[in-house]
N, C-alpha and C. Protein backbone atom coordinates (compact mmCIF):
# COMPACT_ATOMS: atom_id res chain seq x y z
N MET A 1 -13.35 0.40 14.76
CA MET A 1 -14.76 0.41 15.10
C MET A 1 -15.51 -0.48 14.13
N THR A 2 -16.29 -1.43 14.64
CA THR A 2 -17.08 -2.32 13.81
C THR A 2 -18.53 -1.88 13.84
N THR A 3 -19.08 -1.69 12.67
CA THR A 3 -20.48 -1.27 12.58
C THR A 3 -20.98 -1.50 11.16
N GLU A 4 -22.28 -1.56 11.02
CA GLU A 4 -22.86 -1.71 9.69
C GLU A 4 -23.38 -0.36 9.19
N THR A 5 -23.33 0.66 10.04
CA THR A 5 -23.75 1.99 9.61
C THR A 5 -22.53 2.84 9.35
N LYS A 6 -22.73 3.87 8.56
CA LYS A 6 -21.62 4.76 8.23
C LYS A 6 -21.22 5.60 9.44
N THR A 7 -19.94 5.65 9.69
CA THR A 7 -19.40 6.53 10.72
C THR A 7 -18.65 7.63 10.00
N SER A 8 -18.88 8.85 10.43
CA SER A 8 -18.20 9.99 9.83
C SER A 8 -16.70 9.85 10.05
N LEU A 9 -15.94 10.27 9.08
CA LEU A 9 -14.49 10.21 9.17
C LEU A 9 -13.99 11.03 10.36
N THR A 10 -14.62 12.17 10.61
CA THR A 10 -14.18 13.01 11.72
C THR A 10 -14.49 12.39 13.08
N GLU A 11 -15.44 11.48 13.14
CA GLU A 11 -15.78 10.82 14.40
C GLU A 11 -14.76 9.76 14.80
N LEU A 12 -14.02 9.25 13.85
CA LEU A 12 -13.05 8.19 14.12
C LEU A 12 -11.74 8.78 14.62
N GLU A 13 -11.08 8.04 15.50
CA GLU A 13 -9.80 8.50 16.04
C GLU A 13 -8.66 8.12 15.11
N TYR A 14 -7.63 8.97 15.12
CA TYR A 14 -6.42 8.67 14.38
C TYR A 14 -5.69 7.52 15.06
N ILE A 15 -5.20 6.60 14.26
CA ILE A 15 -4.41 5.47 14.75
C ILE A 15 -3.04 5.59 14.10
N PRO A 16 -1.96 5.49 14.88
CA PRO A 16 -0.63 5.50 14.25
C PRO A 16 -0.51 4.33 13.28
N TYR A 17 0.00 4.59 12.09
CA TYR A 17 0.16 3.53 11.09
C TYR A 17 1.11 2.46 11.61
N ILE A 18 2.16 2.92 12.28
CA ILE A 18 3.17 2.03 12.86
C ILE A 18 3.23 2.31 14.35
N ASP A 19 3.15 1.25 15.16
CA ASP A 19 3.19 1.45 16.62
C ASP A 19 4.62 1.59 17.12
N ALA A 20 4.78 1.75 18.40
CA ALA A 20 6.10 1.96 19.01
C ALA A 20 7.05 0.78 18.80
N ASP A 21 6.48 -0.40 18.53
CA ASP A 21 7.30 -1.59 18.28
C ASP A 21 7.59 -1.80 16.79
N GLY A 22 7.19 -0.85 15.96
CA GLY A 22 7.45 -0.95 14.53
C GLY A 22 6.49 -1.87 13.80
N GLN A 23 5.31 -2.10 14.38
CA GLN A 23 4.33 -3.02 13.78
C GLN A 23 3.09 -2.27 13.30
N LEU A 24 2.42 -2.87 12.32
CA LEU A 24 1.12 -2.37 11.88
C LEU A 24 0.07 -2.78 12.92
N PRO A 25 -1.07 -2.09 12.95
CA PRO A 25 -2.12 -2.47 13.91
C PRO A 25 -2.69 -3.86 13.58
N GLU A 26 -2.25 -4.85 14.34
CA GLU A 26 -2.60 -6.24 14.04
C GLU A 26 -4.07 -6.55 14.28
N GLY A 27 -4.78 -5.69 14.98
CA GLY A 27 -6.20 -5.92 15.24
C GLY A 27 -7.04 -5.91 13.98
N PHE A 28 -6.47 -5.47 12.87
CA PHE A 28 -7.23 -5.42 11.63
C PHE A 28 -6.97 -6.62 10.73
N GLN A 29 -6.20 -7.62 11.21
CA GLN A 29 -5.98 -8.82 10.42
C GLN A 29 -7.31 -9.53 10.19
N SER A 30 -7.54 -9.91 8.95
CA SER A 30 -8.75 -10.63 8.54
C SER A 30 -10.04 -9.84 8.79
N GLN A 31 -9.93 -8.53 8.96
CA GLN A 31 -11.10 -7.68 9.17
C GLN A 31 -11.51 -7.02 7.85
N VAL A 32 -12.80 -7.04 7.58
CA VAL A 32 -13.35 -6.36 6.41
C VAL A 32 -13.64 -4.92 6.81
N GLY A 33 -13.20 -3.98 5.99
CA GLY A 33 -13.49 -2.60 6.36
C GLY A 33 -13.01 -1.57 5.36
N VAL A 34 -13.26 -0.32 5.74
CA VAL A 34 -12.84 0.85 4.97
C VAL A 34 -11.76 1.54 5.79
N TYR A 35 -10.75 2.06 5.11
CA TYR A 35 -9.65 2.72 5.81
C TYR A 35 -9.26 4.00 5.08
N ALA A 36 -8.82 4.96 5.88
CA ALA A 36 -8.34 6.24 5.34
C ALA A 36 -6.90 6.40 5.81
N ILE A 37 -6.01 6.70 4.87
CA ILE A 37 -4.59 6.85 5.18
C ILE A 37 -4.22 8.34 5.10
N PHE A 38 -3.48 8.78 6.13
CA PHE A 38 -3.10 10.18 6.24
C PHE A 38 -1.58 10.32 6.30
N ASP A 39 -1.07 11.47 5.85
CA ASP A 39 0.36 11.73 5.94
C ASP A 39 0.70 12.27 7.32
N SER A 40 1.94 12.70 7.51
CA SER A 40 2.39 13.17 8.83
C SER A 40 1.65 14.42 9.31
N ASP A 41 1.10 15.20 8.37
CA ASP A 41 0.32 16.39 8.73
C ASP A 41 -1.16 16.08 8.88
N ARG A 42 -1.48 14.80 8.83
CA ARG A 42 -2.86 14.30 8.94
C ARG A 42 -3.74 14.81 7.80
N VAL A 43 -3.12 14.90 6.62
CA VAL A 43 -3.85 15.24 5.40
C VAL A 43 -4.22 13.91 4.72
N LEU A 44 -5.47 13.75 4.39
CA LEU A 44 -5.96 12.51 3.78
C LEU A 44 -5.25 12.25 2.46
N GLN A 45 -4.68 11.06 2.33
CA GLN A 45 -3.95 10.68 1.12
C GLN A 45 -4.65 9.62 0.29
N PHE A 46 -5.41 8.72 0.96
CA PHE A 46 -6.02 7.60 0.24
C PHE A 46 -7.16 7.03 1.07
N VAL A 47 -8.24 6.64 0.40
CA VAL A 47 -9.34 5.92 1.03
C VAL A 47 -9.54 4.63 0.25
N GLY A 48 -9.57 3.51 0.97
CA GLY A 48 -9.77 2.22 0.33
C GLY A 48 -10.60 1.31 1.21
N TYR A 49 -10.93 0.16 0.66
CA TYR A 49 -11.61 -0.86 1.45
C TYR A 49 -11.07 -2.22 1.07
N SER A 50 -11.24 -3.18 1.97
CA SER A 50 -10.60 -4.46 1.78
C SER A 50 -11.29 -5.56 2.58
N ARG A 51 -11.10 -6.79 2.13
CA ARG A 51 -11.55 -7.97 2.88
C ARG A 51 -10.57 -8.29 4.00
N ASP A 52 -9.34 -7.77 3.90
CA ASP A 52 -8.35 -7.91 4.96
C ASP A 52 -7.61 -6.58 5.07
N VAL A 53 -8.09 -5.73 5.95
CA VAL A 53 -7.55 -4.38 6.09
C VAL A 53 -6.05 -4.43 6.38
N PHE A 54 -5.62 -5.34 7.25
CA PHE A 54 -4.21 -5.44 7.62
C PHE A 54 -3.32 -5.66 6.39
N LEU A 55 -3.68 -6.62 5.54
CA LEU A 55 -2.87 -6.90 4.34
C LEU A 55 -2.85 -5.69 3.40
N SER A 56 -3.97 -5.02 3.26
CA SER A 56 -4.01 -3.83 2.40
C SER A 56 -3.13 -2.72 2.96
N LEU A 57 -3.16 -2.53 4.29
CA LEU A 57 -2.31 -1.52 4.90
C LEU A 57 -0.83 -1.83 4.67
N LYS A 58 -0.50 -3.10 4.74
CA LYS A 58 0.89 -3.53 4.51
C LYS A 58 1.31 -3.23 3.06
N GLN A 59 0.42 -3.51 2.11
CA GLN A 59 0.70 -3.21 0.70
C GLN A 59 0.93 -1.72 0.49
N HIS A 60 0.05 -0.90 1.07
CA HIS A 60 0.19 0.55 0.90
C HIS A 60 1.49 1.06 1.54
N LEU A 61 1.85 0.50 2.67
CA LEU A 61 3.07 0.90 3.35
C LEU A 61 4.30 0.66 2.47
N VAL A 62 4.33 -0.47 1.79
CA VAL A 62 5.44 -0.80 0.90
C VAL A 62 5.46 0.15 -0.31
N ARG A 63 4.29 0.47 -0.82
CA ARG A 63 4.20 1.29 -2.03
C ARG A 63 4.37 2.79 -1.77
N GLN A 64 3.90 3.26 -0.61
CA GLN A 64 3.93 4.71 -0.30
C GLN A 64 4.34 4.92 1.16
N PRO A 65 5.54 4.49 1.54
CA PRO A 65 5.91 4.51 2.97
C PRO A 65 5.88 5.89 3.63
N GLU A 66 6.28 6.92 2.93
CA GLU A 66 6.32 8.24 3.54
C GLU A 66 4.94 8.84 3.76
N LYS A 67 3.96 8.40 2.98
CA LYS A 67 2.62 8.98 3.09
C LYS A 67 1.73 8.20 4.05
N CYS A 68 2.22 7.07 4.55
CA CYS A 68 1.45 6.23 5.47
C CYS A 68 1.88 6.51 6.90
N GLN A 69 1.26 7.50 7.52
CA GLN A 69 1.63 7.89 8.88
C GLN A 69 0.50 7.68 9.88
N TRP A 70 -0.72 7.95 9.46
CA TRP A 70 -1.89 7.84 10.33
C TRP A 70 -3.00 7.15 9.56
N LEU A 71 -3.95 6.56 10.28
CA LEU A 71 -5.10 5.97 9.61
C LEU A 71 -6.33 6.02 10.49
N LYS A 72 -7.44 5.87 9.83
CA LYS A 72 -8.74 5.71 10.48
C LYS A 72 -9.39 4.53 9.79
N VAL A 73 -10.05 3.70 10.59
CA VAL A 73 -10.61 2.47 10.04
C VAL A 73 -12.01 2.25 10.59
N GLN A 74 -12.90 1.80 9.70
CA GLN A 74 -14.20 1.33 10.13
C GLN A 74 -14.36 -0.08 9.58
N THR A 75 -14.50 -1.05 10.46
CA THR A 75 -14.70 -2.43 10.03
C THR A 75 -16.19 -2.76 10.04
N ILE A 76 -16.54 -3.76 9.24
CA ILE A 76 -17.92 -4.24 9.22
C ILE A 76 -17.89 -5.75 9.42
N SER A 77 -18.97 -6.30 9.93
CA SER A 77 -18.98 -7.72 10.28
C SER A 77 -19.19 -8.63 9.08
N ARG A 78 -19.93 -8.17 8.08
CA ARG A 78 -20.18 -9.00 6.91
C ARG A 78 -19.69 -8.29 5.65
N PRO A 79 -18.98 -9.00 4.78
CA PRO A 79 -18.53 -8.36 3.54
C PRO A 79 -19.72 -7.89 2.70
N SER A 80 -19.71 -6.62 2.37
CA SER A 80 -20.74 -6.05 1.51
C SER A 80 -20.11 -4.92 0.70
N ARG A 81 -19.91 -5.18 -0.57
CA ARG A 81 -19.29 -4.17 -1.45
C ARG A 81 -20.12 -2.88 -1.43
N THR A 82 -21.44 -3.00 -1.36
CA THR A 82 -22.32 -1.83 -1.36
C THR A 82 -22.05 -0.96 -0.14
N ILE A 83 -21.97 -1.58 1.05
CA ILE A 83 -21.71 -0.83 2.27
C ILE A 83 -20.31 -0.21 2.23
N LEU A 84 -19.31 -1.01 1.83
CA LEU A 84 -17.93 -0.52 1.78
C LEU A 84 -17.81 0.66 0.82
N GLU A 85 -18.40 0.52 -0.35
CA GLU A 85 -18.34 1.58 -1.36
C GLU A 85 -19.05 2.84 -0.87
N SER A 86 -20.18 2.69 -0.18
CA SER A 86 -20.90 3.88 0.30
C SER A 86 -20.13 4.60 1.40
N ILE A 87 -19.44 3.86 2.26
CA ILE A 87 -18.61 4.50 3.30
C ILE A 87 -17.45 5.24 2.64
N LYS A 88 -16.81 4.59 1.68
CA LYS A 88 -15.69 5.22 0.97
C LYS A 88 -16.14 6.51 0.30
N GLU A 89 -17.27 6.48 -0.37
CA GLU A 89 -17.79 7.67 -1.05
C GLU A 89 -18.14 8.76 -0.04
N ALA A 90 -18.72 8.38 1.10
CA ALA A 90 -19.08 9.37 2.12
C ALA A 90 -17.83 10.04 2.69
N TRP A 91 -16.79 9.27 2.93
CA TRP A 91 -15.54 9.83 3.47
C TRP A 91 -14.88 10.77 2.47
N THR A 92 -14.92 10.38 1.19
CA THR A 92 -14.34 11.22 0.15
C THR A 92 -15.11 12.54 0.07
N ALA A 93 -16.43 12.46 0.12
CA ALA A 93 -17.25 13.68 0.08
C ALA A 93 -16.99 14.54 1.31
N GLU A 94 -16.88 13.89 2.47
CA GLU A 94 -16.60 14.61 3.71
C GLU A 94 -15.26 15.35 3.63
N ASN A 95 -14.30 14.75 2.94
CA ASN A 95 -12.98 15.37 2.77
C ASN A 95 -13.06 16.63 1.91
N GLY A 96 -14.06 16.68 1.02
CA GLY A 96 -14.22 17.86 0.16
C GLY A 96 -13.50 17.75 -1.17
N SER A 97 -12.63 16.77 -1.32
CA SER A 97 -11.94 16.54 -2.58
C SER A 97 -11.43 15.11 -2.62
N ILE A 98 -11.15 14.65 -3.81
CA ILE A 98 -10.63 13.29 -3.97
C ILE A 98 -9.20 13.27 -3.44
N PRO A 99 -8.89 12.34 -2.52
CA PRO A 99 -7.52 12.26 -2.01
C PRO A 99 -6.54 11.98 -3.15
N PRO A 100 -5.30 12.47 -3.04
CA PRO A 100 -4.32 12.29 -4.12
C PRO A 100 -4.14 10.83 -4.54
N GLY A 101 -4.15 9.93 -3.59
CA GLY A 101 -3.95 8.51 -3.90
C GLY A 101 -5.12 7.87 -4.61
N ASN A 102 -6.28 8.50 -4.57
CA ASN A 102 -7.46 7.97 -5.26
C ASN A 102 -7.65 8.61 -6.64
N ALA A 103 -6.80 9.57 -6.97
CA ALA A 103 -6.86 10.18 -8.30
C ALA A 103 -6.37 9.15 -9.33
N ALA A 104 -6.08 9.55 -10.49
CA ALA A 104 -5.75 8.63 -11.59
C ALA A 104 -4.40 7.93 -11.43
N THR A 105 -3.83 7.93 -10.24
CA THR A 105 -2.54 7.29 -10.02
C THR A 105 -2.71 5.84 -9.58
N THR A 106 -1.75 4.99 -9.92
CA THR A 106 -1.81 3.59 -9.52
C THR A 106 -0.75 3.26 -8.48
N GLN A 107 -0.01 4.26 -8.01
CA GLN A 107 1.06 4.00 -7.05
C GLN A 107 0.56 3.41 -5.75
N TRP A 108 -0.67 3.65 -5.39
CA TRP A 108 -1.23 3.13 -4.15
C TRP A 108 -1.80 1.73 -4.33
N THR A 109 -2.22 1.39 -5.54
CA THR A 109 -3.00 0.17 -5.73
C THR A 109 -2.32 -0.91 -6.58
N GLU A 110 -1.31 -0.56 -7.31
CA GLU A 110 -0.66 -1.52 -8.20
C GLU A 110 0.71 -1.92 -7.66
N PRO A 111 1.18 -3.12 -8.01
CA PRO A 111 2.53 -3.53 -7.58
C PRO A 111 3.59 -2.54 -8.07
N ILE A 112 4.73 -2.58 -7.41
CA ILE A 112 5.85 -1.71 -7.79
C ILE A 112 6.46 -2.23 -9.08
N ASP A 113 6.60 -1.37 -10.07
CA ASP A 113 7.21 -1.73 -11.34
C ASP A 113 8.70 -1.36 -11.27
N ALA A 114 9.52 -2.36 -10.98
CA ALA A 114 10.96 -2.14 -10.83
C ALA A 114 11.61 -1.74 -12.16
N LYS A 115 10.96 -2.06 -13.26
CA LYS A 115 11.52 -1.70 -14.58
C LYS A 115 11.71 -0.19 -14.71
N LEU A 116 10.93 0.57 -13.97
CA LEU A 116 11.05 2.03 -14.03
C LEU A 116 12.37 2.51 -13.44
N ALA A 117 13.04 1.64 -12.69
CA ALA A 117 14.33 2.00 -12.07
C ALA A 117 15.52 1.57 -12.93
N MET A 118 15.25 1.09 -14.14
CA MET A 118 16.34 0.68 -15.03
C MET A 118 17.21 1.87 -15.39
N THR A 119 18.52 1.64 -15.37
CA THR A 119 19.44 2.66 -15.84
C THR A 119 19.45 2.62 -17.38
N VAL A 120 20.05 3.61 -17.99
CA VAL A 120 20.16 3.63 -19.45
C VAL A 120 20.94 2.40 -19.93
N ASP A 121 22.04 2.09 -19.24
CA ASP A 121 22.84 0.91 -19.62
C ASP A 121 22.03 -0.37 -19.49
N GLU A 122 21.21 -0.47 -18.44
CA GLU A 122 20.38 -1.67 -18.27
C GLU A 122 19.32 -1.76 -19.36
N GLN A 123 18.77 -0.62 -19.77
CA GLN A 123 17.78 -0.63 -20.85
C GLN A 123 18.41 -1.11 -22.16
N ILE A 124 19.60 -0.63 -22.44
CA ILE A 124 20.31 -1.04 -23.65
C ILE A 124 20.61 -2.54 -23.60
N SER A 125 21.11 -2.99 -22.46
CA SER A 125 21.41 -4.41 -22.28
C SER A 125 20.15 -5.26 -22.41
N TYR A 126 19.05 -4.79 -21.81
CA TYR A 126 17.79 -5.53 -21.85
C TYR A 126 17.31 -5.69 -23.30
N GLU A 127 17.33 -4.61 -24.05
CA GLU A 127 16.85 -4.65 -25.43
C GLU A 127 17.72 -5.51 -26.34
N ALA A 128 18.99 -5.64 -26.00
CA ALA A 128 19.91 -6.41 -26.83
C ALA A 128 20.02 -7.88 -26.41
N SER A 129 19.29 -8.27 -25.36
CA SER A 129 19.45 -9.61 -24.79
C SER A 129 18.36 -10.57 -25.22
N ASP A 130 18.67 -11.87 -25.02
CA ASP A 130 17.67 -12.90 -25.24
C ASP A 130 16.75 -12.96 -24.01
N GLU A 131 15.72 -13.78 -24.09
CA GLU A 131 14.70 -13.83 -23.04
C GLU A 131 15.26 -14.22 -21.67
N LEU A 132 16.12 -15.21 -21.61
CA LEU A 132 16.68 -15.66 -20.34
C LEU A 132 17.53 -14.56 -19.68
N THR A 133 18.32 -13.87 -20.47
CA THR A 133 19.14 -12.78 -19.95
C THR A 133 18.25 -11.62 -19.49
N GLN A 134 17.17 -11.37 -20.21
CA GLN A 134 16.22 -10.33 -19.81
C GLN A 134 15.61 -10.65 -18.44
N ILE A 135 15.23 -11.91 -18.24
CA ILE A 135 14.65 -12.33 -16.96
C ILE A 135 15.66 -12.13 -15.83
N LYS A 136 16.90 -12.52 -16.07
CA LYS A 136 17.94 -12.34 -15.04
C LYS A 136 18.15 -10.86 -14.72
N LEU A 137 18.14 -10.03 -15.74
CA LEU A 137 18.32 -8.59 -15.54
C LEU A 137 17.14 -8.00 -14.76
N LEU A 138 15.92 -8.40 -15.12
CA LEU A 138 14.75 -7.90 -14.40
C LEU A 138 14.76 -8.33 -12.93
N LYS A 139 15.18 -9.57 -12.67
CA LYS A 139 15.28 -10.04 -11.28
C LYS A 139 16.31 -9.22 -10.50
N SER A 140 17.40 -8.93 -11.15
CA SER A 140 18.45 -8.13 -10.51
C SER A 140 17.95 -6.72 -10.18
N ILE A 141 17.25 -6.11 -11.11
CA ILE A 141 16.71 -4.77 -10.89
C ILE A 141 15.65 -4.82 -9.78
N ALA A 142 14.79 -5.84 -9.81
CA ALA A 142 13.75 -5.99 -8.78
C ALA A 142 14.38 -6.15 -7.40
N ARG A 143 15.47 -6.92 -7.32
CA ARG A 143 16.15 -7.10 -6.03
C ARG A 143 16.75 -5.79 -5.54
N ARG A 144 17.27 -4.99 -6.45
CA ARG A 144 17.85 -3.70 -6.08
C ARG A 144 16.76 -2.77 -5.54
N VAL A 145 15.64 -2.71 -6.23
CA VAL A 145 14.52 -1.88 -5.79
C VAL A 145 13.97 -2.40 -4.46
N GLU A 146 13.88 -3.72 -4.33
CA GLU A 146 13.43 -4.33 -3.08
C GLU A 146 14.33 -3.93 -1.92
N ALA A 147 15.63 -3.97 -2.13
CA ALA A 147 16.58 -3.60 -1.07
C ALA A 147 16.37 -2.14 -0.66
N THR A 148 16.11 -1.28 -1.61
CA THR A 148 15.85 0.13 -1.31
C THR A 148 14.57 0.29 -0.50
N VAL A 149 13.51 -0.42 -0.90
CA VAL A 149 12.24 -0.37 -0.19
C VAL A 149 12.43 -0.84 1.25
N ILE A 150 13.07 -1.99 1.42
CA ILE A 150 13.29 -2.55 2.76
C ILE A 150 14.13 -1.60 3.61
N SER A 151 15.17 -1.03 3.02
CA SER A 151 16.04 -0.10 3.73
C SER A 151 15.25 1.13 4.19
N ASN A 152 14.40 1.67 3.32
CA ASN A 152 13.58 2.82 3.67
C ASN A 152 12.63 2.50 4.81
N LEU A 153 12.04 1.32 4.77
CA LEU A 153 11.12 0.91 5.83
C LEU A 153 11.87 0.72 7.15
N GLU A 154 13.03 0.09 7.09
CA GLU A 154 13.82 -0.13 8.31
C GLU A 154 14.29 1.19 8.91
N SER A 155 14.62 2.16 8.07
CA SER A 155 15.07 3.45 8.58
C SER A 155 13.94 4.19 9.30
N ARG A 156 12.73 3.80 9.01
CA ARG A 156 11.57 4.39 9.67
C ARG A 156 11.21 3.60 10.94
N GLY A 157 11.96 2.53 11.22
CA GLY A 157 11.74 1.75 12.43
C GLY A 157 10.71 0.66 12.26
N ILE A 158 10.39 0.33 11.03
CA ILE A 158 9.37 -0.67 10.77
C ILE A 158 9.97 -2.07 10.90
N ARG A 159 9.28 -2.91 11.66
CA ARG A 159 9.76 -4.28 11.88
C ARG A 159 8.76 -5.31 11.36
N VAL A 160 7.98 -4.92 10.40
CA VAL A 160 6.99 -5.80 9.79
C VAL A 160 7.71 -6.70 8.79
N ALA A 161 7.40 -7.99 8.82
CA ALA A 161 8.00 -8.92 7.86
C ALA A 161 7.48 -8.60 6.46
N ILE A 162 8.40 -8.37 5.54
CA ILE A 162 8.06 -8.03 4.16
C ILE A 162 8.65 -9.11 3.26
N ARG A 163 7.78 -9.73 2.46
CA ARG A 163 8.25 -10.75 1.51
C ARG A 163 7.55 -10.52 0.18
N PHE A 164 8.37 -10.32 -0.84
CA PHE A 164 7.82 -10.10 -2.17
C PHE A 164 7.73 -11.43 -2.92
N ASN A 165 6.76 -11.52 -3.82
CA ASN A 165 6.53 -12.71 -4.62
C ASN A 165 7.74 -12.94 -5.54
N PRO A 166 8.49 -14.03 -5.34
CA PRO A 166 9.71 -14.26 -6.13
C PRO A 166 9.43 -14.47 -7.63
N LYS A 167 8.30 -15.04 -7.98
CA LYS A 167 7.98 -15.28 -9.39
C LYS A 167 7.77 -13.96 -10.15
N LEU A 168 7.20 -12.98 -9.47
CA LEU A 168 6.94 -11.70 -10.14
C LEU A 168 8.22 -10.90 -10.37
N LYS A 169 9.24 -11.18 -9.56
CA LYS A 169 10.52 -10.47 -9.74
C LYS A 169 11.10 -10.74 -11.12
N GLU A 170 10.82 -11.92 -11.66
CA GLU A 170 11.30 -12.26 -13.01
C GLU A 170 10.70 -11.34 -14.06
N LYS A 171 9.60 -10.71 -13.73
CA LYS A 171 8.93 -9.77 -14.64
C LYS A 171 9.23 -8.33 -14.26
N GLY A 172 10.07 -8.14 -13.24
CA GLY A 172 10.40 -6.80 -12.80
C GLY A 172 9.30 -6.17 -11.95
N ILE A 173 8.51 -7.01 -11.30
CA ILE A 173 7.37 -6.55 -10.50
C ILE A 173 7.59 -6.94 -9.04
N LEU A 174 7.31 -5.99 -8.14
CA LEU A 174 7.38 -6.27 -6.71
C LEU A 174 5.98 -6.18 -6.12
N ASP A 175 5.50 -7.30 -5.61
CA ASP A 175 4.21 -7.36 -4.95
C ASP A 175 4.32 -8.32 -3.78
N LEU A 176 3.70 -7.99 -2.68
CA LEU A 176 3.79 -8.84 -1.51
C LEU A 176 3.11 -10.19 -1.73
N THR A 177 3.65 -11.19 -1.03
CA THR A 177 3.03 -12.52 -1.13
C THR A 177 1.97 -12.68 -0.08
C-alpha cells in the first residue's frame, strides 16, 4: 500500500515472505517504505524501513531465515526519514512492545560474522598465522557459513538469487552485494 499517511499495522494484510515460486515479493523492488516482519505464528519480529524494501527483505531473509515468514508493508512515494520513522514508531507502539529484532541485537541489521563459526582448531591456527594465511582461513570459514545459509534457504524452497560480497569474505563477513 502506497500512502503518505500512517496506516495502522492491523489494517494491512499479511503477505507471505516467500511466494509459491520461492521468490520474495518483487513488487517492492526500488520502493521506499516501512515493513514489519512476522514469524510463522504471525508474531512481530522486526520493524524497519528502507529506500529499497525488496533489498532489505532479502538481507533479513539471509540473516534470520526462520523468523521471516510473513510481512506487512507500507510504501511511500517520496523518501522522507521523518515519515518512515513515525510509521515505524507507530507500529512499534501498536504492537505494545519492542519487537525482538529491534532490541539491542544486531542479527537483523548487521552482516553475518562468519568468525563466530570458527572451531577451536581454526582459532588456534588463525592466531598462529601470518596475515595472508589468516585471510585464507577467514575466506574458508565464510564459504562454509555461506554454504550453510544457502542450504537452509534452499531447504525452505527459496529460489532467490543470493550473492555475497567476495571482498568481505576475506574479513570473515557475509553481506549481500
